Amino acid sequence: MKNLLLLFALSLINQYLSAQPCLNSQSSIDIHGNNIQARILNGGDLFTDLANGQFLPNPDPNSFENPSTIFAAGIWLGGIDPGGNLKLATVDYRSNLKFDYTPGPLDENGTTNVFNCSNWDRHFRVTGDQIAAFRAALPLTTSELITQFRDIAGWPALGNPFFADVWGYDLPFSTQGLASFHDEDNNGSYDPLSGDYPVVELRGIPAFVPAEIIWSVFNDQNGGGPHSASGGKALQAEIQLTVWAFNCQDEPVLNNTIFTSHKIINRASEPTDSTTFGIWVDIDLGCYLDDYLGCNPSLNTMYAYNQDAVDGQPGNTCLGVPTFSDAPPVQSITFLSHPLSTFIAPSGSGGNPPPATTDPTSPYEIYNYMTGSWRDGTPLTYGGNGYGGNTPTSHLFPSDPANSSGWSMCTANLAFGDRRMLGTTNLGQMLPGQIEYFNTAWAFHPNPSLPCGIGTTFSDVNTIVNLYNNDFEGVCGPLKAPSLPADSLQLFPNPTSGSALLRYGSLRPVSLRAFDAAGRMVLEKTNNFEKQETVIETATFAAGIYVLQIVTEQGTATKKLTVVR
């Protein structure tokens, strides 16, 4: 009887907790696979810690005041249900704990609960070097896999038999899939012991392995919780986010770029009409008071550049905000998979803008912005600040700022102020179960010809677009590096009872690992390599034979090291 009462009580508790709305996401992680360090969150937002911008070009690891080019960014989704009601999910600053997105996937009914949201409030990260080392170490036992390659063992790919062992909860079964993977045995299910491994795989583009991959999943159903940021009705959308970076010596533009892919799944039982996807950005090139914005519709790109030659207002100061001083870069955001249907530049503070051009405060004002008008419904117009003119347009400030006869913020001579940008694309009707991939490139471009000059921005974007359109063919990757002969490395003394010197000469190492005879990793080094050689300390090694694996930009080499006592 007592056991029955206990089970009944637990059932009531579970039902009560399952009915609670999901909580605000807390997870965040930095990607730093190339020249950019950027913060990734799990609530639809990007590149912020909710207090400071966290899109940092060439950050100084010894400084606590690295300037950022973006203060905050995120995705906006909107549409109309069959009853004519507005569906809306947006994000800005999570001010006053207001949010529309929470972590985790949705079930086939388009719902979730507080347990699911809590479990999935995390990011999954793997590097290309880890994948290369994993493939070199095969075959592995289950214990070796989980111990040595935990990120690969716990990758959230469909059917992963080790996921619950790593994370403590089960994967859902999803006919639309989860995180992408290379399927070595083509059975549709992820199993690293069979040679499967994480990849980036986009619709229509063959899978590839970059320098770093981060994956997360979130939704706007929120366990039935309200959309406190936008005030709109939930779309019941599941969004799987993949973020990646390349690190290529022969493609320097890629080293200044981060890519995102938002895989959007309509989990509602009804279609959504007039669906619009938007990228909202609070652009701050260091100082937030002196940025100009523009777009290049033919490149599906929106961008920001400094209003004058010096970053700051006044001078190179900005009320305590770190600035780029006299070298502020250009920041571009390029739509890779969809057209830039509209570009609009809402105003924040400063410059005394018309009230209808400032931040929206209601659901329909947000949707007006998303569908190409000002917040009061007034059409965008060509010339001046884009408000109140006679010629309708879909894109504000579409001219090169260096073109004195075109329309840009530079030729309009707009006042200093804090500005946002919103680029949108029209998806039309989204049917139940429909999937859309929205792929974006976020790049910085150093040394523009300020004022009113954006340097190599357009040619850089052309390079990025062409690489994407050609499936990143020929782009460097950790798995493309050839195996190097053992004599590429010199190791002495060998055997050793103390330290050993590994000499790699002109090779440029990116990682060094040592494995014992049982396959356990006993040493890992992934940065701060000395020129031509490095010292391996073996004080914690037991006597025995170890395999050293060094991954370099030129290839991968292995060497055996004997430790005696």
Protein backbone atom coordinates (compact mmCIF):
# COMPACT_ATOMS: atom_id res chain seq x y z
CA MET A 1 0.00 0.00 0.00
CA LYS A 2 2.81 2.37 0.92
CA ASN A 3 4.53 1.63 -2.38
CA LEU A 4 1.33 2.34 -4.31
CA LEU A 5 0.87 5.64 -2.48
CA LEU A 6 4.50 6.56 -3.18
CA LEU A 7 4.13 5.78 -6.89
CA PHE A 8 0.88 7.78 -7.01
CA ALA A 9 2.57 10.75 -5.32
CA LEU A 10 5.52 10.59 -7.70
CA SER A 11 3.10 10.44 -10.64
CA LEU A 12 1.33 13.58 -9.42
CA ILE A 13 4.66 15.38 -8.96
CA ASN A 14 5.78 14.41 -12.46
CA GLN A 15 2.48 15.57 -13.95
CA TYR A 16 2.75 18.86 -12.06
CA LEU A 17 6.33 19.53 -13.12
CA SER A 18 5.66 18.48 -16.71
CA ALA A 19 2.96 21.12 -16.90
CA GLN A 20 5.36 23.89 -15.93
CA PRO A 21 6.68 26.20 -18.67
CA CYS A 22 10.34 25.94 -19.62
CA LEU A 23 12.92 28.18 -18.02
CA ASN A 24 15.21 30.72 -19.66
CA SER A 25 18.28 29.10 -21.24
CA GLN A 26 21.54 29.43 -19.30
CA SER A 27 23.97 27.61 -21.60
CA SER A 28 26.65 29.43 -23.58
CA ILE A 29 29.92 28.46 -25.25
CA ASP A 30 32.67 30.21 -27.22
CA ILE A 31 33.76 29.18 -30.69
CA HIS A 32 37.37 30.12 -31.43
CA GLY A 33 38.46 27.96 -34.34
CA ASN A 34 40.09 30.83 -36.25
CA ASN A 35 40.64 34.60 -35.89
CA ILE A 36 37.23 35.15 -34.26
CA GLN A 37 36.14 34.34 -30.73
CA ALA A 38 32.35 34.39 -30.52
CA ARG A 39 29.78 33.50 -27.86
CA ILE A 40 26.98 31.09 -28.84
CA LEU A 41 23.83 30.94 -26.69
CA ASN A 42 20.84 28.58 -26.76
CA GLY A 43 17.88 30.96 -26.72
CA GLY A 44 17.84 32.03 -30.36
CA ASP A 45 20.55 34.61 -29.68
CA LEU A 46 24.21 34.92 -30.65
CA PHE A 47 27.42 36.81 -29.92
CA THR A 48 26.58 38.31 -26.51
CA ASP A 49 26.91 37.52 -22.82
CA LEU A 50 23.74 39.63 -22.29
CA ALA A 51 25.90 42.45 -20.90
CA ASN A 52 28.67 42.88 -23.50
CA GLY A 53 29.26 42.11 -27.15
CA GLN A 54 31.06 38.82 -27.77
CA PHE A 55 32.00 38.77 -31.46
CA LEU A 56 35.69 39.46 -31.03
CA PRO A 57 38.00 39.82 -34.06
CA ASN A 58 41.62 38.85 -33.30
CA PRO A 59 41.13 38.90 -29.50
CA ASP A 60 44.13 39.45 -27.27
CA PRO A 61 44.14 36.57 -24.74
CA ASN A 62 45.93 38.79 -22.22
CA SER A 63 43.33 41.54 -22.35
CA PHE A 64 39.97 41.77 -20.59
CA GLU A 65 38.83 44.60 -22.88
CA ASN A 66 38.71 43.22 -26.40
CA PRO A 67 36.37 45.27 -28.60
CA SER A 68 33.46 43.50 -30.27
CA THR A 69 31.79 44.20 -33.62
CA ILE A 70 28.37 42.87 -32.54
CA PHE A 71 26.61 43.54 -29.25
CA ALA A 72 23.82 40.99 -29.79
CA ALA A 73 22.15 39.10 -32.63
CA GLY A 74 19.41 36.55 -33.08
CA ILE A 75 16.72 35.07 -35.27
CA TRP A 76 13.20 36.41 -35.77
CA LEU A 77 10.40 34.19 -37.08
CA GLY A 78 6.91 35.35 -38.00
CA GLY A 79 3.83 34.20 -39.87
CA ILE A 80 0.05 33.90 -39.88
CA ASP A 81 -1.97 30.86 -38.75
CA PRO A 82 -5.08 29.64 -40.67
CA GLY A 83 -7.26 31.69 -38.31
CA GLY A 84 -5.44 34.91 -39.16
CA ASN A 85 -3.55 35.09 -35.85
CA LEU A 86 0.03 36.36 -35.74
CA LYS A 87 2.71 33.82 -34.91
CA LEU A 88 5.94 35.39 -33.73
CA ALA A 89 9.21 34.41 -32.06
CA THR A 90 11.99 36.96 -31.61
CA VAL A 91 14.97 37.71 -29.41
CA ASP A 92 16.92 40.81 -28.50
CA TYR A 93 18.54 41.26 -25.07
CA ARG A 94 16.38 39.04 -22.80
CA SER A 95 15.71 42.27 -20.88
CA ASN A 96 13.69 41.75 -17.69
CA LEU A 97 14.00 37.98 -18.29
CA LYS A 98 11.80 38.16 -21.38
CA PHE A 99 12.36 35.38 -23.92
CA ASP A 100 10.57 33.50 -26.73
CA TYR A 101 12.92 30.53 -27.19
CA THR A 102 13.90 27.74 -24.78
CA PRO A 103 16.28 24.76 -25.19
CA GLY A 104 15.55 21.39 -26.68
CA PRO A 105 13.74 19.63 -29.51
CA LEU A 106 9.96 19.25 -29.85
CA ASP A 107 8.08 15.98 -30.02
CA GLU A 108 5.97 14.97 -33.00
CA ASN A 109 3.04 16.91 -31.51
CA GLY A 110 5.08 20.11 -31.42
CA THR A 111 5.38 20.25 -27.63
CA THR A 112 8.02 19.96 -24.92
CA ASN A 113 8.25 20.14 -21.13
CA VAL A 114 10.45 21.54 -18.41
CA PHE A 115 12.46 18.30 -18.08
CA ASN A 116 13.26 18.19 -21.79
CA CYS A 117 14.22 21.87 -21.85
CA SER A 118 16.51 21.44 -18.83
CA ASN A 119 18.27 18.38 -20.28
CA TRP A 120 18.96 20.13 -23.58
CA ASP A 121 20.21 23.40 -22.13
CA ARG A 122 23.71 22.63 -23.38
CA HIS A 123 25.99 22.96 -26.39
CA PHE A 124 27.82 20.13 -28.14
CA ARG A 125 31.30 20.93 -29.42
CA VAL A 126 33.89 18.99 -31.38
CA THR A 127 37.04 20.05 -33.22
CA GLY A 128 38.42 18.78 -36.48
CA ASP A 129 41.60 17.75 -34.70
CA GLN A 130 39.59 15.57 -32.31
CA ILE A 131 37.89 13.89 -35.25
CA ALA A 132 41.22 13.29 -37.00
CA ALA A 133 42.72 11.83 -33.81
CA PHE A 134 39.64 9.64 -33.28
CA ARG A 135 39.84 8.19 -36.79
CA ALA A 136 43.55 7.52 -36.36
CA ALA A 137 42.90 5.72 -33.05
CA LEU A 138 40.28 3.27 -34.42
CA PRO A 139 39.46 0.52 -33.60
CA LEU A 140 38.43 1.39 -30.03
CA THR A 141 36.58 -0.26 -27.19
CA THR A 142 33.49 1.39 -25.70
CA SER A 143 35.50 2.43 -22.64
CA GLU A 144 38.29 3.91 -24.76
CA LEU A 145 35.77 5.79 -26.91
CA ILE A 146 34.01 7.42 -23.95
CA THR A 147 37.23 8.10 -22.04
CA GLN A 148 39.36 9.45 -24.88
CA PHE A 149 36.77 10.94 -27.24
CA ARG A 150 33.85 11.95 -25.04
CA ASP A 151 32.67 14.73 -27.40
CA ILE A 152 32.44 12.24 -30.28
CA ALA A 153 30.87 9.55 -28.10
CA GLY A 154 28.23 12.03 -26.89
CA TRP A 155 27.48 13.66 -30.26
CA PRO A 156 23.67 14.15 -30.51
CA ALA A 157 23.23 12.24 -33.75
CA LEU A 158 20.32 9.95 -34.53
CA GLY A 159 20.56 6.51 -32.92
CA ASN A 160 23.77 7.18 -30.94
CA PRO A 161 23.98 4.21 -28.50
CA PHE A 162 26.43 6.06 -26.21
CA PHE A 163 24.53 9.33 -25.83
CA ALA A 164 22.76 8.43 -22.58
CA ASP A 165 26.02 7.06 -21.10
CA VAL A 166 27.66 10.45 -21.65
CA TRP A 167 24.80 12.84 -20.84
CA GLY A 168 22.39 10.87 -18.65
CA TYR A 169 19.25 11.14 -20.78
CA ASP A 170 17.96 9.59 -23.98
CA LEU A 171 17.98 10.93 -27.51
CA PRO A 172 14.63 11.38 -29.21
CA PHE A 173 13.90 9.58 -32.45
CA SER A 174 13.36 12.19 -35.14
CA THR A 175 12.52 11.49 -38.75
CA GLN A 176 13.98 14.93 -39.53
CA GLY A 177 17.29 13.99 -37.92
CA LEU A 178 19.48 15.65 -35.31
CA ALA A 179 23.17 16.63 -35.52
CA SER A 180 24.87 15.64 -38.78
CA PHE A 181 27.35 12.78 -39.06
CA HIS A 182 29.36 10.79 -41.56
CA ASP A 183 27.67 7.39 -41.81
CA GLU A 184 30.52 4.99 -42.49
CA ASP A 185 28.31 1.90 -42.81
CA ASN A 186 25.33 3.72 -44.38
CA ASN A 187 22.82 2.29 -41.91
CA GLY A 188 21.27 5.65 -40.98
CA SER A 189 22.31 5.43 -37.33
CA TYR A 190 25.29 7.04 -35.60
CA ASP A 191 27.82 4.62 -34.10
CA PRO A 192 31.39 5.92 -33.62
CA LEU A 193 32.73 2.39 -33.08
CA SER A 194 31.70 1.67 -36.67
CA GLY A 195 33.70 4.69 -37.88
CA ASP A 196 30.94 7.33 -37.84
CA TYR A 197 31.95 10.87 -36.83
CA PRO A 198 30.48 14.41 -36.64
CA VAL A 199 30.35 16.57 -39.76
CA VAL A 200 28.67 19.70 -41.09
CA GLU A 201 26.09 18.71 -43.69
CA LEU A 202 23.90 21.31 -45.36
CA ARG A 203 21.08 20.76 -47.81
CA GLY A 204 22.62 20.17 -51.23
CA ILE A 205 26.22 20.39 -49.99
CA PRO A 206 28.41 17.34 -49.34
CA ALA A 207 29.45 16.82 -45.72
CA PHE A 208 32.73 18.31 -44.51
CA VAL A 209 34.82 18.65 -41.34
CA PRO A 210 35.98 22.20 -40.47
CA ALA A 211 38.26 23.30 -37.63
CA GLU A 212 35.42 23.47 -35.08
CA ILE A 213 31.71 22.59 -34.91
CA ILE A 214 29.14 23.61 -32.27
CA TRP A 215 25.59 22.24 -32.26
CA SER A 216 22.52 23.03 -30.16
CA VAL A 217 18.74 22.85 -30.44
CA PHE A 218 15.97 25.15 -29.20
CA ASN A 219 12.29 25.78 -29.78
CA ASP A 220 9.58 28.41 -29.36
CA GLN A 221 6.88 26.20 -27.78
CA ASN A 222 8.52 26.58 -24.35
CA GLY A 223 6.40 23.96 -22.60
CA GLY A 224 3.36 26.16 -23.08
CA GLY A 225 5.07 29.24 -21.67
CA PRO A 226 4.30 32.67 -23.15
CA HIS A 227 6.35 34.58 -25.71
CA SER A 228 7.32 37.32 -23.30
CA ALA A 229 9.79 38.98 -25.70
CA SER A 230 7.51 39.45 -28.71
CA GLY A 231 4.01 38.85 -27.32
CA GLY A 232 3.20 36.63 -30.32
CA LYS A 233 1.69 33.18 -30.61
CA ALA A 234 4.13 30.24 -30.79
CA LEU A 235 4.96 28.85 -34.22
CA GLN A 236 5.85 25.47 -32.65
CA ALA A 237 9.17 25.65 -34.46
CA GLU A 238 12.20 23.51 -33.62
CA ILE A 239 15.51 25.13 -34.56
CA GLN A 240 18.70 23.11 -34.80
CA LEU A 241 21.72 25.41 -34.85
CA THR A 242 25.10 24.43 -36.28
CA VAL A 243 28.00 26.89 -35.97
CA TRP A 244 31.38 26.23 -37.55
CA ALA A 245 34.71 27.82 -38.40
CA PHE A 246 37.48 27.04 -40.88
CA ASN A 247 41.15 27.74 -40.19
CA CYS A 248 42.97 27.84 -43.54
CA GLN A 249 46.32 29.40 -44.28
CA ASP A 250 45.50 29.53 -48.00
CA GLU A 251 42.08 31.19 -47.55
CA PRO A 252 42.61 34.10 -45.12
CA VAL A 253 39.07 35.42 -45.69
CA LEU A 254 37.68 32.21 -44.15
CA ASN A 255 39.80 32.77 -41.07
CA ASN A 256 37.84 35.98 -40.48
CA THR A 257 34.45 34.26 -40.88
CA ILE A 258 32.06 32.24 -38.73
CA PHE A 259 29.19 30.31 -40.32
CA THR A 260 25.79 29.48 -38.86
CA SER A 261 23.07 27.17 -40.14
CA HIS A 262 19.59 27.33 -38.61
CA LYS A 263 17.61 24.20 -39.50
CA ILE A 264 13.96 25.19 -38.90
CA ILE A 265 11.33 22.45 -38.55
CA ASN A 266 7.62 23.32 -38.47
CA ARG A 267 6.30 21.00 -35.74
CA ALA A 268 2.80 22.54 -35.78
CA SER A 269 -0.17 20.51 -37.05
CA GLU A 270 -1.22 23.43 -39.25
CA PRO A 271 0.53 25.43 -41.94
CA THR A 272 2.01 28.85 -41.30
CA ASP A 273 1.35 31.39 -44.03
CA SER A 274 3.45 34.44 -44.99
CA THR A 275 6.35 32.99 -43.02
CA THR A 276 9.30 35.33 -42.66
CA PHE A 277 12.76 34.60 -41.30
CA GLY A 278 14.94 37.44 -40.06
CA ILE A 279 18.43 38.07 -38.72
CA TRP A 280 18.33 40.90 -36.18
CA VAL A 281 21.64 42.48 -35.13
CA ASP A 282 22.51 45.20 -32.65
CA ILE A 283 25.70 46.18 -34.42
CA ASP A 284 28.39 47.84 -32.30
CA LEU A 285 31.78 48.21 -33.99
CA GLY A 286 33.52 48.81 -30.68
CA CYS A 287 31.74 52.04 -29.79
CA TYR A 288 27.97 51.84 -30.24
CA LEU A 289 27.46 55.52 -31.11
CA ASP A 290 29.27 55.94 -34.45
CA ASP A 291 28.30 53.13 -36.81
CA TYR A 292 26.80 53.38 -40.28
CA LEU A 293 24.86 50.54 -41.90
CA GLY A 294 24.26 49.44 -45.46
CA CYS A 295 23.42 46.50 -47.69
CA ASN A 296 24.39 44.97 -51.01
CA PRO A 297 21.25 43.25 -52.35
CA SER A 298 23.12 41.52 -55.19
CA LEU A 299 25.35 39.82 -52.61
CA ASN A 300 22.48 39.26 -50.12
CA THR A 301 24.65 41.06 -47.59
CA MET A 302 24.11 43.64 -44.88
CA TYR A 303 27.08 45.34 -43.26
CA ALA A 304 28.28 48.01 -40.85
CA TYR A 305 31.21 50.41 -41.05
CA ASN A 306 32.48 53.19 -38.80
CA GLN A 307 30.98 56.62 -39.37
CA ASP A 308 34.39 58.31 -39.25
CA ALA A 309 38.03 57.24 -39.25
CA VAL A 310 38.28 56.92 -35.46
CA ASP A 311 36.18 54.50 -33.42
CA GLY A 312 34.63 56.34 -30.49
CA GLN A 313 32.39 59.21 -29.53
CA PRO A 314 33.92 61.51 -28.54
CA GLY A 315 37.39 60.78 -29.94
CA ASN A 316 38.41 57.17 -29.37
CA THR A 317 36.51 56.83 -26.07
CA CYS A 318 32.99 55.46 -25.62
CA LEU A 319 31.73 55.68 -22.03
CA GLY A 320 33.96 52.79 -20.94
CA VAL A 321 33.16 50.50 -23.90
CA PRO A 322 36.33 49.02 -25.51
CA THR A 323 36.97 50.59 -28.92
CA PHE A 324 39.05 49.72 -31.97
CA SER A 325 40.66 53.16 -31.77
CA ASP A 326 41.90 54.09 -35.26
CA ALA A 327 41.38 50.68 -36.93
CA PRO A 328 37.68 49.70 -36.76
CA PRO A 329 36.83 46.85 -39.16
CA VAL A 330 33.74 46.37 -41.31
CA GLN A 331 31.29 43.66 -40.18
CA SER A 332 29.22 41.81 -42.78
CA ILE A 333 26.36 39.33 -42.48
CA THR A 334 25.62 37.38 -45.68
CA PHE A 335 22.54 35.28 -46.45
CA LEU A 336 23.94 32.21 -48.24
CA SER A 337 20.88 30.03 -48.79
CA HIS A 338 18.09 32.60 -49.23
CA PRO A 339 17.75 36.08 -50.74
CA LEU A 340 17.96 39.23 -48.66
CA SER A 341 14.32 40.21 -49.31
CA THR A 342 14.37 43.33 -47.14
CA PHE A 343 16.94 45.33 -45.21
CA ILE A 344 15.92 47.84 -42.57
CA ALA A 345 17.91 49.84 -40.02
CA PRO A 346 15.91 50.65 -36.86
CA SER A 347 17.31 53.37 -34.64
CA GLY A 348 18.17 53.04 -30.98
CA SER A 349 19.30 56.10 -29.08
CA GLY A 350 20.83 59.32 -30.43
CA GLY A 351 20.30 61.32 -33.58
CA ASN A 352 16.66 62.25 -32.83
CA PRO A 353 15.16 59.78 -35.37
CA PRO A 354 11.44 59.73 -36.27
CA PRO A 355 9.62 57.67 -33.59
CA ALA A 356 8.30 55.24 -36.21
CA THR A 357 11.90 54.20 -37.06
CA THR A 358 12.89 53.15 -33.53
CA ASP A 359 12.73 49.80 -31.71
CA PRO A 360 9.34 48.05 -31.99
CA THR A 361 7.19 47.70 -28.88
CA SER A 362 4.31 45.44 -29.99
CA PRO A 363 3.90 42.20 -31.98
CA TYR A 364 2.47 43.91 -35.06
CA GLU A 365 5.21 46.55 -35.03
CA ILE A 366 7.75 43.70 -35.04
CA TYR A 367 5.96 42.00 -37.94
CA ASN A 368 5.79 45.30 -39.84
CA TYR A 369 9.58 45.48 -39.64
CA MET A 370 9.92 41.86 -40.72
CA THR A 371 7.72 42.36 -43.78
CA GLY A 372 9.45 45.48 -45.04
CA SER A 373 7.86 48.56 -43.53
CA TRP A 374 8.50 50.84 -40.57
CA ARG A 375 6.95 50.00 -37.22
CA ASP A 376 3.87 52.17 -37.94
CA GLY A 377 3.29 50.43 -41.28
CA THR A 378 4.74 53.27 -43.39
CA PRO A 379 6.63 51.88 -46.42
CA LEU A 380 10.40 52.11 -46.65
CA THR A 381 11.29 54.83 -49.15
CA TYR A 382 14.39 55.68 -51.14
CA GLY A 383 16.58 58.56 -49.94
CA GLY A 384 17.43 60.33 -46.69
CA ASN A 385 16.78 58.13 -43.67
CA GLY A 386 14.32 55.94 -45.59
CA TYR A 387 11.20 57.34 -43.91
CA GLY A 388 8.51 59.58 -45.42
CA GLY A 389 9.75 59.69 -49.00
CA ASN A 390 7.91 59.08 -52.25
CA THR A 391 9.67 56.07 -53.82
CA PRO A 392 9.05 52.70 -52.12
CA THR A 393 12.02 50.37 -51.67
CA SER A 394 12.79 47.05 -49.99
CA HIS A 395 16.41 47.80 -49.12
CA LEU A 396 17.73 50.78 -47.21
CA PHE A 397 21.16 52.22 -48.12
CA PRO A 398 21.95 49.81 -51.00
CA SER A 399 24.86 51.79 -52.49
CA ASP A 400 28.59 51.48 -51.89
CA PRO A 401 29.42 54.25 -49.37
CA ALA A 402 32.30 55.30 -51.61
CA ASN A 403 29.80 56.10 -54.40
CA SER A 404 29.06 59.81 -53.89
CA SER A 405 26.04 59.65 -56.24
CA GLY A 406 24.47 56.60 -54.56
CA TRP A 407 22.29 56.29 -51.46
CA SER A 408 24.13 55.31 -48.30
CA MET A 409 24.20 56.57 -44.76
CA CYS A 410 27.39 58.33 -45.76
CA THR A 411 25.79 60.30 -48.60
CA ALA A 412 22.69 60.92 -46.45
CA ASN A 413 25.05 62.34 -43.78
CA LEU A 414 23.00 60.87 -40.93
CA ALA A 415 23.71 61.93 -37.36
CA PHE A 416 25.64 59.91 -34.79
CA GLY A 417 23.46 57.31 -33.10
CA ASP A 418 23.00 53.72 -31.89
CA ARG A 419 21.57 51.53 -34.66
CA ARG A 420 20.24 48.01 -35.31
CA MET A 421 19.94 46.07 -38.53
CA LEU A 422 17.32 43.58 -39.68
CA GLY A 423 17.58 41.47 -42.80
CA THR A 424 14.69 39.19 -43.73
CA THR A 425 13.75 36.59 -46.29
CA ASN A 426 10.25 35.49 -47.30
CA LEU A 427 9.65 31.75 -46.87
CA GLY A 428 5.95 31.83 -47.83
CA GLN A 429 3.83 28.98 -46.53
CA MET A 430 5.47 26.41 -44.23
CA LEU A 431 3.58 23.12 -44.11
CA PRO A 432 3.56 20.81 -41.08
CA GLY A 433 6.87 18.94 -40.94
CA GLN A 434 8.51 21.24 -43.50
CA ILE A 435 12.22 21.99 -43.03
CA GLU A 436 14.12 25.09 -44.05
CA TYR A 437 17.89 25.61 -43.74
CA PHE A 438 19.01 29.20 -43.29
CA ASN A 439 22.79 29.50 -43.74
CA THR A 440 24.68 32.68 -42.86
CA ALA A 441 28.27 33.94 -43.01
CA TRP A 442 29.45 36.42 -40.36
CA ALA A 443 32.74 38.06 -41.36
CA PHE A 444 34.91 40.98 -40.34
CA HIS A 445 37.00 42.91 -42.84
CA PRO A 446 40.06 44.78 -41.51
CA ASN A 447 41.55 48.06 -42.66
CA PRO A 448 38.70 49.77 -44.53
CA SER A 449 39.32 53.14 -46.17
CA LEU A 450 37.36 55.23 -43.67
CA PRO A 451 35.39 57.38 -43.77
CA CYS A 452 32.93 56.20 -46.43
CA GLY A 453 35.12 53.37 -47.69
CA ILE A 454 34.68 49.69 -46.86
CA GLY A 455 37.90 48.34 -48.34
CA THR A 456 37.81 44.73 -49.53
CA THR A 457 34.41 43.91 -47.99
CA PHE A 458 32.57 43.15 -51.25
CA SER A 459 35.42 41.13 -52.76
CA ASP A 460 35.78 39.20 -49.48
CA VAL A 461 32.05 38.43 -49.49
CA ASN A 462 32.31 37.33 -53.12
CA THR A 463 35.03 34.88 -52.07
CA ILE A 464 32.85 33.49 -49.26
CA VAL A 465 29.80 33.15 -51.50
CA ASN A 466 31.77 31.43 -54.25
CA LEU A 467 33.29 28.95 -51.81
CA TYR A 468 29.82 28.18 -50.43
CA ASN A 469 28.28 27.85 -53.90
CA ASN A 470 31.08 25.44 -54.84
CA ASP A 471 30.39 23.25 -51.79
CA PHE A 472 33.59 24.45 -50.07
CA GLU A 473 35.45 22.25 -52.53
CA GLY A 474 39.20 22.37 -51.95
CA VAL A 475 38.85 24.19 -48.61
CA CYS A 476 41.31 22.93 -46.02
CA GLY A 477 40.11 20.50 -43.35
CA PRO A 478 41.68 18.28 -40.70
CA LEU A 479 40.69 15.11 -42.57
CA LYS A 480 42.26 16.33 -45.80
CA ALA A 481 45.74 16.49 -44.32
CA PRO A 482 47.88 13.62 -45.63
CA SER A 483 49.79 11.20 -43.42
CA LEU A 484 53.42 12.19 -43.00
CA PRO A 485 56.28 9.69 -42.71
CA ALA A 486 57.57 8.93 -39.21
CA ASP A 487 60.95 10.50 -40.07
CA SER A 488 59.15 13.85 -40.35
CA LEU A 489 59.62 13.94 -36.56
CA GLN A 490 62.75 13.58 -34.47
CA LEU A 491 62.42 12.33 -30.89
CA PHE A 492 65.26 12.08 -28.41
CA PRO A 493 66.30 10.69 -26.08
CA ASN A 494 64.23 7.63 -26.87
CA PRO A 495 63.97 5.61 -24.62
CA THR A 496 63.76 8.27 -21.90
CA SER A 497 63.41 8.24 -18.14
CA GLY A 498 62.60 11.93 -17.94
CA SER A 499 61.67 14.48 -20.59
CA ALA A 500 61.97 14.02 -24.35
CA LEU A 501 62.40 16.58 -27.11
CA LEU A 502 60.06 16.29 -30.10
CA ARG A 503 61.45 18.18 -33.06
CA TYR A 504 59.09 18.93 -35.99
CA GLY A 505 61.16 21.55 -37.82
CA SER A 506 59.17 23.59 -40.35
CA LEU A 507 55.90 21.72 -39.73
CA ARG A 508 53.16 23.86 -38.14
CA PRO A 509 51.51 21.78 -35.39
CA VAL A 510 47.90 22.23 -34.30
CA SER A 511 47.67 19.36 -31.79
CA LEU A 512 49.83 16.79 -30.02
CA ARG A 513 48.51 13.72 -28.18
CA ALA A 514 50.09 10.71 -26.49
CA PHE A 515 48.36 7.34 -26.00
CA ASP A 516 49.47 4.47 -23.79
CA ALA A 517 49.42 0.79 -24.79
CA ALA A 518 45.78 0.47 -23.70
CA GLY A 519 44.77 3.36 -25.98
CA ARG A 520 44.20 5.87 -23.16
CA MET A 521 45.14 9.46 -23.95
CA VAL A 522 47.73 10.59 -21.39
CA LEU A 523 48.78 13.91 -22.93
CA GLU A 524 47.06 16.55 -25.05
CA LYS A 525 48.38 19.89 -26.31
CA THR A 526 46.42 22.07 -28.75
CA ASN A 527 48.10 25.50 -28.64
CA ASN A 528 51.24 27.48 -27.76
CA PHE A 529 53.60 25.33 -29.79
CA GLU A 530 57.21 26.44 -29.76
CA LYS A 531 59.08 27.02 -32.99
CA GLN A 532 60.50 23.79 -34.48
CA GLU A 533 60.34 21.68 -31.30
CA THR A 534 58.54 21.03 -28.02
CA VAL A 535 59.41 19.25 -24.77
CA ILE A 536 57.37 16.25 -23.64
CA GLU A 537 57.38 15.73 -19.89
CA THR A 538 56.94 12.07 -18.92
CA ALA A 539 57.09 12.32 -15.12
CA THR A 540 53.48 11.11 -14.83
CA PHE A 541 53.91 8.30 -17.38
CA ALA A 542 54.32 4.73 -16.25
CA ALA A 543 57.06 2.66 -17.89
CA GLY A 544 55.96 1.45 -21.30
CA ILE A 545 55.56 2.27 -24.98
CA TYR A 546 53.50 5.31 -26.01
CA VAL A 547 52.25 6.49 -29.39
CA LEU A 548 52.67 10.20 -30.10
CA GLN A 549 50.32 11.71 -32.67
CA ILE A 550 51.00 15.19 -33.99
CA VAL A 551 48.51 16.89 -36.31
CA THR A 552 50.05 19.69 -38.36
CA GLU A 553 48.82 21.96 -41.14
CA GLN A 554 50.85 19.83 -43.56
CA GLY A 555 49.58 16.45 -42.34
CA THR A 556 49.52 13.95 -39.49
CA ALA A 557 52.49 11.95 -38.22
CA THR A 558 52.99 9.40 -35.45
CA LYS A 559 56.02 8.35 -33.44
CA LYS A 560 56.59 5.76 -30.71
CA LEU A 561 58.11 6.85 -27.40
CA THR A 562 59.51 4.40 -24.84
CA VAL A 563 59.54 5.42 -21.18
CA VAL A 564 61.77 3.53 -18.76
CA ARG A 565 61.93 3.73 -14.97
